N, C-alpha and C. Protein backbone atom coordinates (compact mmCIF):
# COMPACT_ATOMS: atom_id res chain seq x y z
N MET A 1 142.32 -144.19 131.64
CA MET A 1 142.35 -142.79 131.70
C MET A 1 142.98 -142.30 130.31
N SER A 2 142.51 -141.28 129.74
CA SER A 2 142.77 -140.75 128.46
C SER A 2 143.99 -139.74 128.72
N SER A 3 144.85 -139.68 127.82
CA SER A 3 145.99 -138.82 127.85
C SER A 3 145.56 -137.53 127.17
N GLN A 4 145.92 -136.28 127.86
CA GLN A 4 145.58 -134.97 127.29
C GLN A 4 146.90 -134.30 127.11
N HIS A 5 146.93 -133.53 126.11
CA HIS A 5 148.12 -132.73 125.75
C HIS A 5 147.72 -131.38 125.30
N THR A 6 148.50 -130.55 125.23
CA THR A 6 148.32 -129.15 124.84
C THR A 6 149.33 -128.88 123.80
N LYS A 7 148.96 -128.41 122.57
CA LYS A 7 149.86 -128.08 121.54
C LYS A 7 149.47 -126.61 121.09
N ILE A 8 150.56 -125.81 121.18
CA ILE A 8 150.49 -124.38 120.72
C ILE A 8 150.88 -124.07 119.21
N LEU A 9 149.92 -123.59 118.49
CA LEU A 9 150.14 -123.14 117.14
C LEU A 9 150.46 -121.72 117.07
N ASN A 10 151.46 -121.30 116.71
CA ASN A 10 151.82 -119.86 116.71
C ASN A 10 151.27 -119.21 115.49
N VAL A 11 150.17 -118.65 115.43
CA VAL A 11 149.46 -118.08 114.32
C VAL A 11 149.14 -116.62 114.42
N ASN A 12 149.90 -115.75 113.81
CA ASN A 12 149.52 -114.33 113.82
C ASN A 12 148.40 -114.03 112.91
N ASN A 13 148.17 -114.79 111.89
CA ASN A 13 146.91 -114.64 111.13
C ASN A 13 146.57 -115.97 110.61
N PHE A 14 145.36 -116.14 110.10
CA PHE A 14 144.85 -117.49 109.77
C PHE A 14 145.11 -117.75 108.30
N ASP A 15 146.14 -117.13 107.87
CA ASP A 15 146.54 -117.45 106.42
C ASP A 15 147.52 -118.67 106.43
N ASP A 16 147.95 -119.17 107.60
CA ASP A 16 148.67 -120.20 107.81
C ASP A 16 147.89 -121.45 107.62
N ALA A 17 147.89 -121.99 106.38
CA ALA A 17 146.89 -123.15 106.05
C ALA A 17 147.32 -124.37 106.84
N ASN A 18 148.55 -124.72 107.10
CA ASN A 18 148.86 -125.78 107.90
C ASN A 18 148.29 -125.81 109.31
N SER A 19 148.44 -124.75 110.01
CA SER A 19 147.85 -124.57 111.29
C SER A 19 146.35 -124.64 111.29
N VAL A 20 145.73 -124.15 110.42
CA VAL A 20 144.21 -124.11 110.15
C VAL A 20 143.78 -125.43 109.96
N LYS A 21 144.53 -126.27 108.98
CA LYS A 21 144.25 -127.73 108.71
C LYS A 21 144.41 -128.53 109.97
N GLU A 22 145.36 -128.25 110.63
CA GLU A 22 145.69 -128.93 111.89
C GLU A 22 144.47 -128.90 112.94
N ALA A 23 144.13 -127.64 113.14
CA ALA A 23 142.99 -127.23 113.99
C ALA A 23 141.69 -128.00 113.60
N ALA A 24 141.47 -127.93 112.22
CA ALA A 24 140.36 -128.73 111.74
C ALA A 24 140.34 -130.04 111.92
N LYS A 25 141.58 -130.77 111.66
CA LYS A 25 141.65 -132.06 112.04
C LYS A 25 141.33 -132.53 113.50
N LEU A 26 141.81 -131.73 114.37
CA LEU A 26 141.53 -131.83 115.88
C LEU A 26 140.06 -131.76 115.98
N LEU A 27 139.41 -130.81 115.54
CA LEU A 27 137.92 -130.64 115.71
C LEU A 27 137.14 -131.80 115.13
N LYS A 28 137.43 -132.30 113.95
CA LYS A 28 136.92 -133.51 113.30
C LYS A 28 137.07 -134.57 114.23
N ASN A 29 138.07 -134.70 114.90
CA ASN A 29 138.47 -135.85 115.85
C ASN A 29 137.85 -135.71 117.22
N GLY A 30 136.98 -134.66 117.39
CA GLY A 30 136.27 -134.42 118.74
C GLY A 30 137.21 -133.72 119.78
N GLU A 31 138.25 -133.16 119.39
CA GLU A 31 139.19 -132.49 120.29
C GLU A 31 138.71 -131.07 120.47
N LEU A 32 139.16 -130.44 121.49
CA LEU A 32 138.88 -129.00 121.84
C LEU A 32 139.95 -128.19 121.15
N VAL A 33 139.58 -127.06 120.85
CA VAL A 33 140.64 -126.04 120.21
C VAL A 33 140.32 -124.63 120.85
N ALA A 34 141.35 -123.98 121.35
CA ALA A 34 141.19 -122.65 121.91
C ALA A 34 141.69 -121.63 120.77
N PHE A 35 140.98 -120.58 120.57
CA PHE A 35 141.29 -119.67 119.56
C PHE A 35 140.73 -118.16 120.06
N PRO A 36 141.17 -117.11 119.45
CA PRO A 36 140.78 -115.82 119.77
C PRO A 36 139.41 -115.52 119.08
N THR A 37 138.60 -114.69 119.91
CA THR A 37 137.29 -114.20 119.38
C THR A 37 137.50 -112.68 119.40
N GLU A 38 136.40 -112.01 119.18
CA GLU A 38 136.48 -110.55 119.17
C GLU A 38 136.93 -109.88 120.43
N THR A 39 136.61 -110.69 121.52
CA THR A 39 136.93 -110.03 122.85
C THR A 39 137.88 -110.86 123.83
N VAL A 40 137.76 -112.15 123.66
CA VAL A 40 138.52 -113.00 124.50
C VAL A 40 138.91 -114.29 123.85
N TYR A 41 139.49 -115.37 124.45
CA TYR A 41 139.68 -116.51 123.83
C TYR A 41 138.60 -117.37 124.07
N GLY A 42 138.24 -118.31 123.12
CA GLY A 42 137.15 -119.23 123.16
C GLY A 42 137.69 -120.65 123.18
N LEU A 43 136.85 -121.61 123.59
CA LEU A 43 137.09 -122.95 123.63
C LEU A 43 136.17 -123.59 122.61
N GLY A 44 136.68 -124.24 121.65
CA GLY A 44 135.86 -124.75 120.51
C GLY A 44 135.90 -126.25 120.43
N ALA A 45 134.79 -126.77 119.83
CA ALA A 45 134.65 -128.14 119.52
C ALA A 45 133.59 -128.33 118.41
N ASN A 46 133.50 -129.52 117.85
CA ASN A 46 132.49 -129.77 116.88
C ASN A 46 131.07 -129.74 117.61
N GLY A 47 130.39 -128.78 117.23
CA GLY A 47 129.04 -128.49 117.88
C GLY A 47 127.92 -129.49 117.43
N LEU A 48 128.28 -130.35 116.60
CA LEU A 48 127.27 -131.33 116.18
C LEU A 48 127.59 -132.72 116.70
N SER A 49 128.64 -132.76 117.49
CA SER A 49 129.11 -133.95 118.16
C SER A 49 128.74 -133.90 119.68
N THR A 50 127.88 -134.74 120.16
CA THR A 50 127.46 -134.62 121.52
C THR A 50 128.58 -134.88 122.49
N GLU A 51 129.49 -135.75 121.97
CA GLU A 51 130.74 -136.11 122.87
C GLU A 51 131.71 -134.90 122.91
N ALA A 52 131.99 -134.27 121.73
CA ALA A 52 132.83 -133.22 121.67
C ALA A 52 132.27 -132.00 122.63
N VAL A 53 130.87 -131.64 122.40
CA VAL A 53 130.34 -130.66 123.17
C VAL A 53 130.35 -130.96 124.75
N MET A 54 130.25 -132.25 125.08
CA MET A 54 130.29 -132.63 126.45
C MET A 54 131.65 -132.31 126.93
N ASN A 55 132.80 -132.42 126.18
CA ASN A 55 134.08 -132.03 126.59
C ASN A 55 134.20 -130.63 126.84
N ILE A 56 133.51 -129.71 126.33
CA ILE A 56 133.44 -128.33 126.66
C ILE A 56 132.92 -128.10 128.01
N PHE A 57 131.74 -128.78 128.25
CA PHE A 57 131.14 -128.66 129.67
C PHE A 57 132.12 -129.22 130.59
N THR A 58 132.78 -130.30 130.49
CA THR A 58 133.69 -130.86 131.36
C THR A 58 134.93 -130.08 131.56
N ALA A 59 135.51 -129.56 130.52
CA ALA A 59 136.74 -128.76 130.60
C ALA A 59 136.45 -127.44 131.40
N LYS A 60 135.32 -126.84 131.13
CA LYS A 60 134.98 -125.60 131.83
C LYS A 60 134.21 -125.71 133.17
N GLY A 61 133.83 -126.97 133.41
CA GLY A 61 132.99 -127.09 134.67
C GLY A 61 131.72 -126.40 134.57
N ARG A 62 131.24 -126.34 133.36
CA ARG A 62 129.85 -125.71 133.06
C ARG A 62 128.77 -126.58 133.29
N PRO A 63 127.71 -126.03 133.87
CA PRO A 63 126.48 -127.01 134.09
C PRO A 63 125.80 -127.20 132.79
N SER A 64 125.31 -128.42 132.61
CA SER A 64 124.83 -128.74 131.41
C SER A 64 123.39 -128.23 131.09
N ASP A 65 122.89 -127.46 132.10
CA ASP A 65 121.62 -126.90 131.85
C ASP A 65 121.74 -125.43 131.33
N ASN A 66 122.95 -124.97 130.99
CA ASN A 66 123.26 -123.72 130.46
C ASN A 66 123.65 -123.83 129.01
N PRO A 67 122.63 -123.47 128.15
CA PRO A 67 122.83 -123.64 126.73
C PRO A 67 124.07 -122.98 126.12
N LEU A 68 124.50 -123.39 124.96
CA LEU A 68 125.58 -122.87 124.39
C LEU A 68 125.19 -122.09 123.12
N ILE A 69 125.93 -121.28 122.50
CA ILE A 69 125.52 -120.59 121.26
C ILE A 69 126.39 -121.05 120.11
N LEU A 70 125.71 -121.36 118.95
CA LEU A 70 126.37 -121.93 117.89
C LEU A 70 126.83 -120.68 117.13
N HIS A 71 128.13 -120.79 116.57
CA HIS A 71 128.42 -119.75 115.53
C HIS A 71 128.66 -120.42 114.30
N ILE A 72 128.30 -119.64 113.16
CA ILE A 72 128.50 -120.19 111.85
C ILE A 72 129.51 -119.34 111.12
N GLY A 73 130.08 -119.87 110.05
CA GLY A 73 130.94 -119.11 109.34
C GLY A 73 130.43 -118.63 108.04
N GLU A 74 129.40 -119.24 107.59
CA GLU A 74 128.67 -118.75 106.27
C GLU A 74 127.25 -118.83 106.50
N LEU A 75 126.49 -118.03 105.90
CA LEU A 75 124.98 -117.94 106.04
C LEU A 75 124.48 -119.19 105.56
N GLU A 76 124.97 -119.87 104.60
CA GLU A 76 124.39 -121.17 104.04
C GLU A 76 124.32 -122.19 105.21
N GLN A 77 125.17 -122.05 106.24
CA GLN A 77 125.04 -123.08 107.25
C GLN A 77 123.84 -122.96 108.24
N LEU A 78 123.20 -121.78 108.24
CA LEU A 78 122.18 -121.59 109.12
C LEU A 78 120.95 -122.47 108.98
N ASP A 79 120.57 -122.70 107.58
CA ASP A 79 119.31 -123.45 107.46
C ASP A 79 119.38 -124.96 107.94
N ALA A 80 120.56 -125.40 108.02
CA ALA A 80 120.64 -126.88 108.51
C ALA A 80 120.51 -126.84 110.12
N LEU A 81 120.57 -125.79 110.61
CA LEU A 81 120.61 -125.63 112.21
C LEU A 81 119.32 -125.25 112.69
N VAL A 82 118.49 -124.60 111.81
CA VAL A 82 117.22 -124.07 112.36
C VAL A 82 116.11 -124.61 111.48
N SER A 83 114.87 -124.73 112.28
CA SER A 83 113.72 -125.28 111.45
C SER A 83 112.90 -124.21 110.76
N GLU A 84 113.09 -122.95 111.18
CA GLU A 84 112.37 -121.91 110.61
C GLU A 84 113.05 -120.63 110.80
N ARG A 85 112.92 -119.66 109.83
CA ARG A 85 113.42 -118.29 109.92
C ARG A 85 112.46 -117.35 109.68
N SER A 86 112.22 -116.45 110.59
CA SER A 86 111.23 -115.40 110.46
C SER A 86 111.56 -114.24 109.43
N GLU A 87 110.78 -113.38 109.00
CA GLU A 87 111.20 -112.39 108.20
C GLU A 87 112.00 -111.39 108.95
N LEU A 88 111.72 -111.18 110.33
CA LEU A 88 112.57 -110.31 111.11
C LEU A 88 113.89 -110.85 111.31
N ALA A 89 114.02 -112.13 111.48
CA ALA A 89 115.29 -112.81 111.60
C ALA A 89 116.10 -112.41 110.22
N ASN A 90 115.45 -112.59 109.11
CA ASN A 90 116.13 -112.39 107.91
C ASN A 90 116.61 -110.87 107.82
N GLN A 91 115.81 -109.95 108.19
CA GLN A 91 116.19 -108.50 108.17
C GLN A 91 117.39 -108.30 109.14
N LEU A 92 117.29 -108.84 110.32
CA LEU A 92 118.47 -108.62 111.35
C LEU A 92 119.71 -109.35 110.65
N ILE A 93 119.64 -110.46 110.15
CA ILE A 93 120.84 -111.14 109.53
C ILE A 93 121.31 -110.21 108.36
N GLU A 94 120.56 -109.67 107.60
CA GLU A 94 120.96 -108.80 106.53
C GLU A 94 121.63 -107.54 106.97
N SER A 95 121.22 -107.01 108.09
CA SER A 95 121.77 -105.90 108.66
C SER A 95 122.92 -105.97 109.56
N PHE A 96 123.02 -107.06 110.17
CA PHE A 96 124.02 -107.25 111.27
C PHE A 96 124.95 -108.34 111.20
N TRP A 97 124.84 -109.25 110.25
CA TRP A 97 125.66 -110.35 110.11
C TRP A 97 126.58 -110.15 108.96
N PRO A 98 127.82 -110.51 108.99
CA PRO A 98 128.62 -111.12 110.14
C PRO A 98 128.70 -109.90 111.20
N GLY A 99 128.64 -110.35 112.40
CA GLY A 99 128.76 -109.28 113.57
C GLY A 99 128.42 -109.98 114.86
N ALA A 100 128.23 -109.10 115.90
CA ALA A 100 128.04 -109.56 117.29
C ALA A 100 126.60 -109.79 117.61
N LEU A 101 125.75 -109.91 116.69
CA LEU A 101 124.45 -110.20 117.01
C LEU A 101 124.08 -111.82 117.11
N THR A 102 123.52 -112.23 118.25
CA THR A 102 123.07 -113.49 118.34
C THR A 102 121.63 -113.53 118.29
N LEU A 103 121.12 -114.52 117.44
CA LEU A 103 119.69 -114.72 117.25
C LEU A 103 119.32 -116.11 117.90
N VAL A 104 118.02 -116.21 118.34
CA VAL A 104 117.60 -117.32 118.94
C VAL A 104 116.32 -117.86 117.98
N MET A 105 116.45 -118.97 117.44
CA MET A 105 115.47 -119.47 116.63
C MET A 105 115.14 -120.87 116.83
N LYS A 106 114.09 -121.39 116.32
CA LYS A 106 113.74 -122.81 116.44
C LYS A 106 114.84 -123.79 115.91
N ARG A 107 115.27 -124.64 116.64
CA ARG A 107 116.37 -125.54 116.16
C ARG A 107 115.85 -126.62 115.32
N SER A 108 116.81 -127.08 114.49
CA SER A 108 116.52 -128.30 113.63
C SER A 108 116.93 -129.53 114.51
N GLN A 109 116.45 -130.69 114.06
CA GLN A 109 116.86 -131.90 114.74
C GLN A 109 118.42 -132.19 114.67
N LEU A 110 119.09 -131.60 113.72
CA LEU A 110 120.47 -131.72 113.65
C LEU A 110 121.31 -131.22 114.91
N VAL A 111 120.68 -130.29 115.55
CA VAL A 111 121.45 -129.72 116.76
C VAL A 111 121.21 -130.54 117.88
N PRO A 112 122.30 -131.10 118.54
CA PRO A 112 122.25 -132.18 119.69
C PRO A 112 121.51 -131.25 120.93
N ASP A 113 120.87 -132.16 121.70
CA ASP A 113 120.17 -131.64 122.86
C ASP A 113 121.13 -130.94 123.91
N ILE A 114 122.39 -131.49 124.03
CA ILE A 114 123.31 -130.95 124.96
C ILE A 114 123.77 -129.47 124.58
N VAL A 115 123.59 -129.06 123.28
CA VAL A 115 123.87 -127.69 123.01
C VAL A 115 122.82 -126.65 123.43
N THR A 116 121.59 -127.14 123.48
CA THR A 116 120.46 -126.30 123.86
C THR A 116 119.88 -126.56 125.15
N ALA A 117 120.47 -127.45 125.95
CA ALA A 117 119.99 -127.84 127.25
C ALA A 117 118.49 -128.39 127.11
N LYS A 118 118.36 -129.06 125.93
CA LYS A 118 117.01 -129.61 125.57
C LYS A 118 115.93 -128.69 125.29
N LEU A 119 116.25 -127.33 125.07
CA LEU A 119 115.30 -126.39 124.65
C LEU A 119 114.96 -126.63 123.20
N ASP A 120 113.73 -126.04 122.72
CA ASP A 120 113.49 -126.30 121.30
C ASP A 120 114.10 -125.06 120.42
N THR A 121 114.79 -124.18 121.10
CA THR A 121 115.37 -123.13 120.35
C THR A 121 117.03 -123.13 120.44
N VAL A 122 117.68 -122.48 119.57
CA VAL A 122 119.09 -122.56 119.55
C VAL A 122 119.56 -121.15 119.30
N ALA A 123 120.62 -120.62 119.96
CA ALA A 123 121.23 -119.41 119.74
C ALA A 123 122.39 -119.47 118.72
N ILE A 124 122.24 -118.69 117.68
CA ILE A 124 123.25 -118.71 116.66
C ILE A 124 123.76 -117.29 116.25
N ARG A 125 125.02 -117.26 115.96
CA ARG A 125 125.76 -115.98 115.69
C ARG A 125 126.74 -116.30 114.46
N MET A 126 126.96 -115.34 113.75
CA MET A 126 127.88 -115.34 112.68
C MET A 126 129.00 -114.42 112.83
N PRO A 127 130.14 -114.66 113.48
CA PRO A 127 131.15 -113.75 113.84
C PRO A 127 131.86 -113.06 112.75
N PRO A 128 132.37 -111.85 112.91
CA PRO A 128 132.97 -111.11 111.83
C PRO A 128 134.51 -111.35 111.67
N THR A 129 135.16 -111.87 112.65
CA THR A 129 136.56 -111.79 112.75
C THR A 129 137.18 -112.74 111.76
N GLN A 130 138.28 -112.39 111.13
CA GLN A 130 139.02 -113.08 110.18
C GLN A 130 139.53 -114.39 110.62
N SER A 131 139.89 -114.50 111.89
CA SER A 131 140.40 -115.82 112.39
C SER A 131 139.33 -116.78 112.36
N GLN A 132 138.17 -116.44 112.78
CA GLN A 132 137.07 -117.34 112.89
C GLN A 132 136.52 -117.71 111.42
N GLY A 133 136.62 -116.78 110.56
CA GLY A 133 136.17 -116.98 109.28
C GLY A 133 136.87 -118.01 108.51
N ALA A 134 138.35 -117.78 108.66
CA ALA A 134 139.32 -118.65 107.99
C ALA A 134 139.28 -120.05 108.52
N SER A 135 139.19 -120.09 109.84
CA SER A 135 139.00 -121.45 110.55
C SER A 135 137.76 -122.24 110.10
N SER A 136 136.67 -121.41 110.01
CA SER A 136 135.35 -122.04 109.74
C SER A 136 135.31 -122.64 108.33
N LYS A 137 135.94 -121.85 107.37
CA LYS A 137 136.01 -122.26 106.07
C LYS A 137 136.68 -123.66 105.93
N LYS A 138 137.78 -123.80 106.76
CA LYS A 138 138.55 -124.90 106.81
C LYS A 138 137.83 -126.27 107.30
N CYS A 139 136.86 -126.03 108.09
CA CYS A 139 136.25 -127.19 108.88
C CYS A 139 134.81 -127.48 108.47
N SER A 140 134.06 -126.58 108.33
CA SER A 140 132.59 -126.75 107.98
C SER A 140 131.74 -127.53 108.95
N CYS A 141 132.57 -128.08 110.02
CA CYS A 141 131.75 -128.66 111.17
C CYS A 141 131.38 -127.52 111.94
N ARG A 142 130.38 -127.58 112.79
CA ARG A 142 129.97 -126.69 113.81
C ARG A 142 130.88 -126.69 114.86
N LEU A 143 131.45 -125.55 115.17
CA LEU A 143 132.45 -125.49 116.35
C LEU A 143 131.77 -124.66 117.42
N GLN A 144 131.87 -125.22 118.57
CA GLN A 144 131.25 -124.52 119.64
C GLN A 144 132.26 -124.14 120.78
N HIS A 145 132.08 -122.97 121.38
CA HIS A 145 132.92 -122.61 122.49
C HIS A 145 132.24 -121.81 123.39
N ARG A 146 132.64 -121.72 124.51
CA ARG A 146 132.15 -120.85 125.54
C ARG A 146 133.33 -120.01 126.08
N VAL A 147 133.10 -118.68 126.12
CA VAL A 147 134.22 -117.82 126.48
C VAL A 147 133.83 -117.40 127.88
N GLN A 148 134.82 -116.87 128.56
CA GLN A 148 134.62 -116.50 130.01
C GLN A 148 133.70 -115.42 130.22
N THR A 149 133.75 -114.31 129.38
CA THR A 149 132.86 -113.07 129.62
C THR A 149 131.79 -112.98 128.71
N VAL A 150 131.76 -113.72 127.62
CA VAL A 150 130.80 -113.59 126.53
C VAL A 150 130.23 -115.01 126.43
N PRO A 151 128.89 -115.19 126.44
CA PRO A 151 128.29 -116.50 126.27
C PRO A 151 128.13 -116.89 124.94
N VAL A 152 129.24 -117.47 124.30
CA VAL A 152 129.32 -117.56 122.82
C VAL A 152 129.72 -118.98 122.56
N VAL A 153 129.22 -119.56 121.49
CA VAL A 153 129.65 -120.89 121.01
C VAL A 153 129.91 -120.77 119.63
N GLN A 154 131.16 -120.96 119.22
CA GLN A 154 131.68 -120.79 117.80
C GLN A 154 131.32 -122.03 116.94
N VAL A 155 130.85 -121.59 115.89
CA VAL A 155 130.70 -122.63 114.75
C VAL A 155 131.62 -122.03 113.60
N LEU A 156 132.67 -122.76 113.60
CA LEU A 156 133.73 -122.31 112.61
C LEU A 156 133.46 -123.00 111.24
N ARG A 157 134.13 -122.49 110.34
CA ARG A 157 133.98 -122.91 108.83
C ARG A 157 134.99 -123.91 108.54
N LEU A 158 135.56 -124.70 109.52
CA LEU A 158 136.72 -125.48 109.30
C LEU A 158 136.48 -126.75 108.31
N LEU A 159 135.45 -127.37 108.23
CA LEU A 159 135.45 -128.56 107.50
C LEU A 159 135.44 -128.43 105.96
N SER A 160 134.93 -127.22 105.52
CA SER A 160 134.69 -127.13 104.00
C SER A 160 136.09 -126.92 103.42
N MET A 161 137.20 -126.69 104.06
CA MET A 161 138.52 -126.47 103.54
C MET A 161 139.45 -127.77 103.55
N LEU A 162 138.75 -128.74 104.20
CA LEU A 162 139.68 -130.09 104.24
C LEU A 162 139.30 -130.86 103.01
């Protein structure tokens, strides 16, 4: 039986480099991290790790046939996650990202089956919030989460800052 523990980092803004680094380390190690989103708190994990994503489904009691949404922290992360981008997608990205728009595109082979419920598409969003942006720059792994009222998976920028 594995030992689980909760650690609370009191962060009023994400300029606290030590807390962001600690969250990034947890994510890199396959742990879950809770953090604020635009509307509620999310549960995050490295979205490119099947085991880490499975932990989200287990923690939330979420059925595995319910796909997650990946969030990216920088537009440059998108191309690794999708196999094609339409001109319409590019126009929507230009107009609405970062923001609350989620786009569904053909997924690349980098995206694990568990994220998409074995579908050939993946939902991706680039959130506007400062907290997610700072965290995402720190990690650069894809972070996923599912929030209670909004079907969202965060892909934070956390790895690139480590």
